[in-house]
Amino acid sequence: MSPTENDRQPLRIEQSNGTTIVHFQSTAIYWSFPEYDDADVLKEKLKYLIGQGHIDLVLELSTVEFVSSMFLGILMLLERRLKQLGGRLRLCSLQPDVEQILHVCGLHRYFEIYPDPPTALASRRP
């Protein structure tokens, strides 16, 4: 894969002791813009991961500077689905604006939020 193709990939996936870490590569996740192709790719990749049995997820969002309400809704659905399957969703490395959006919407109460991947991986289930 050439560097140009890799730069266009919306997600980078890695494994760590049974946990799947999903590194988001986009700076903004709009999901509601029809011309924004990454939205469908992101959604389908997350659904695929869960379908393949990856039910312990850490979403590393350090590059994401903006999220839409649609993305927040997808996160809520993802959290609910993982809990139904006995899994877990953790968010980490949030930019201040993204963290503020979660707090303003009251969603910080629904997600496990950590400062970085190592802290998220070391955390115990609440």
Protein backbone atom coordinates (compact mmCIF):
# COMPACT_ATOMS: atom_id res chain seq x y z
CA MET A 1 0.00 0.00 0.00
CA SER A 2 1.44 3.36 -0.98
CA PRO A 3 1.66 6.22 1.55
CA THR A 4 -1.05 8.06 -0.38
CA GLU A 5 -3.46 5.11 -0.08
CA ASN A 6 -2.62 4.67 3.61
CA ASP A 7 -3.31 8.35 4.27
CA ARG A 8 -6.82 7.90 2.86
CA GLN A 9 -7.67 5.01 5.16
CA PRO A 10 -10.12 6.28 7.80
CA LEU A 11 -9.08 3.71 10.42
CA ARG A 12 -5.96 1.94 11.59
CA ILE A 13 -6.63 -1.24 13.56
CA GLU A 14 -4.33 -3.00 16.01
CA GLN A 15 -4.66 -5.71 18.66
CA SER A 16 -3.41 -5.68 22.23
CA ASN A 17 -4.08 -8.65 24.52
CA GLY A 18 -7.54 -9.37 23.13
CA THR A 19 -8.56 -5.73 22.80
CA THR A 20 -9.03 -4.11 19.41
CA ILE A 21 -7.72 -0.55 19.22
CA VAL A 22 -9.30 1.53 16.47
CA HIS A 23 -7.26 4.61 15.59
CA PHE A 24 -9.34 7.17 13.72
CA GLN A 25 -7.41 8.94 10.96
CA SER A 26 -9.97 11.64 10.06
CA THR A 27 -9.97 15.10 11.61
CA ALA A 28 -13.73 15.56 11.30
CA ILE A 29 -16.50 12.98 11.25
CA TYR A 30 -19.65 14.47 9.76
CA TRP A 31 -21.58 11.31 8.83
CA SER A 32 -24.47 13.41 7.58
CA PHE A 33 -22.87 14.79 4.43
CA PRO A 34 -23.75 12.59 1.42
CA GLU A 35 -20.44 13.41 -0.24
CA TYR A 36 -18.40 12.37 2.79
CA ASP A 37 -17.41 8.82 1.76
CA ASP A 38 -15.37 8.10 4.89
CA ALA A 39 -18.55 8.05 6.99
CA ASP A 40 -19.89 4.91 5.36
CA VAL A 41 -16.46 3.28 5.40
CA LEU A 42 -16.08 3.99 9.13
CA LYS A 43 -19.55 2.72 9.96
CA GLU A 44 -19.14 -0.46 7.91
CA LYS A 45 -15.67 -1.18 9.32
CA LEU A 46 -16.93 -0.86 12.91
CA LYS A 47 -19.89 -3.14 12.14
CA TYR A 48 -17.52 -5.61 10.48
CA LEU A 49 -15.20 -5.66 13.50
CA ILE A 50 -18.08 -6.47 15.85
CA GLY A 51 -19.38 -9.11 13.45
CA GLN A 52 -15.93 -10.73 13.50
CA GLY A 53 -16.06 -11.01 17.30
CA HIS A 54 -14.08 -7.89 18.22
CA ILE A 55 -16.24 -6.88 21.17
CA ASP A 56 -13.61 -5.24 23.36
CA LEU A 57 -12.93 -1.94 21.56
CA VAL A 58 -10.84 1.12 22.32
CA LEU A 59 -11.55 4.03 19.97
CA GLU A 60 -8.49 6.28 19.82
CA LEU A 61 -9.72 9.69 18.64
CA SER A 62 -6.65 11.94 18.93
CA THR A 63 -6.91 13.14 15.32
CA VAL A 64 -10.64 13.91 15.47
CA GLU A 65 -11.30 17.61 16.03
CA PHE A 66 -15.04 17.64 15.27
CA VAL A 67 -17.90 15.14 15.42
CA SER A 68 -21.50 15.48 14.29
CA SER A 69 -24.59 14.45 16.21
CA MET A 70 -24.94 11.51 13.82
CA PHE A 71 -21.54 10.19 14.89
CA LEU A 72 -22.55 10.54 18.55
CA GLY A 73 -25.64 8.48 17.81
CA ILE A 74 -23.52 5.79 16.17
CA LEU A 75 -21.29 5.72 19.26
CA MET A 76 -24.37 5.21 21.45
CA LEU A 77 -25.58 2.34 19.26
CA LEU A 78 -22.10 0.83 19.26
CA GLU A 79 -21.92 1.02 23.06
CA ARG A 80 -25.34 -0.62 23.42
CA ARG A 81 -24.53 -3.41 20.94
CA LEU A 82 -21.21 -4.21 22.59
CA LYS A 83 -22.84 -4.38 26.02
CA GLN A 84 -25.48 -6.78 24.64
CA LEU A 85 -22.66 -9.00 23.45
CA GLY A 86 -20.82 -8.82 26.78
CA GLY A 87 -18.23 -6.50 25.29
CA ARG A 88 -16.85 -3.11 26.14
CA LEU A 89 -16.28 0.26 24.45
CA ARG A 90 -13.66 2.75 25.64
CA LEU A 91 -12.89 6.15 24.14
CA CYS A 92 -9.49 7.76 24.52
CA SER A 93 -7.28 10.63 23.44
CA LEU A 94 -10.19 13.02 22.91
CA GLN A 95 -9.48 16.52 21.63
CA PRO A 96 -10.86 19.18 24.02
CA ASP A 97 -13.66 20.20 21.63
CA VAL A 98 -14.82 16.61 21.19
CA GLU A 99 -14.73 16.00 24.94
CA GLN A 100 -16.71 19.20 25.48
CA ILE A 101 -19.37 18.04 23.00
CA LEU A 102 -19.74 14.79 24.96
CA HIS A 103 -20.12 16.73 28.21
CA VAL A 104 -22.60 19.27 26.82
CA CYS A 105 -24.73 16.42 25.47
CA GLY A 106 -24.42 14.50 28.75
CA LEU A 107 -22.88 11.55 26.93
CA HIS A 108 -19.76 11.46 29.08
CA ARG A 109 -21.87 9.45 31.56
CA TYR A 110 -22.39 6.67 29.03
CA PHE A 111 -18.82 6.16 27.88
CA GLU A 112 -15.60 5.13 29.52
CA ILE A 113 -13.23 7.97 28.60
CA TYR A 114 -9.47 7.78 29.12
CA PRO A 115 -6.56 10.13 28.36
CA ASP A 116 -4.63 7.68 26.17
CA PRO A 117 -4.59 4.08 24.88
CA PRO A 118 -2.30 2.64 27.61
CA THR A 119 -4.60 4.00 30.34
CA ALA A 120 -7.67 2.68 28.51
CA LEU A 121 -6.08 -0.75 28.09
CA ALA A 122 -5.01 -0.91 31.76
CA SER A 123 -8.47 0.06 33.05
CA ARG A 124 -10.68 -2.44 34.76
CA ARG A 125 -14.28 -2.95 33.79
CA PRO A 126 -16.50 -0.60 35.87
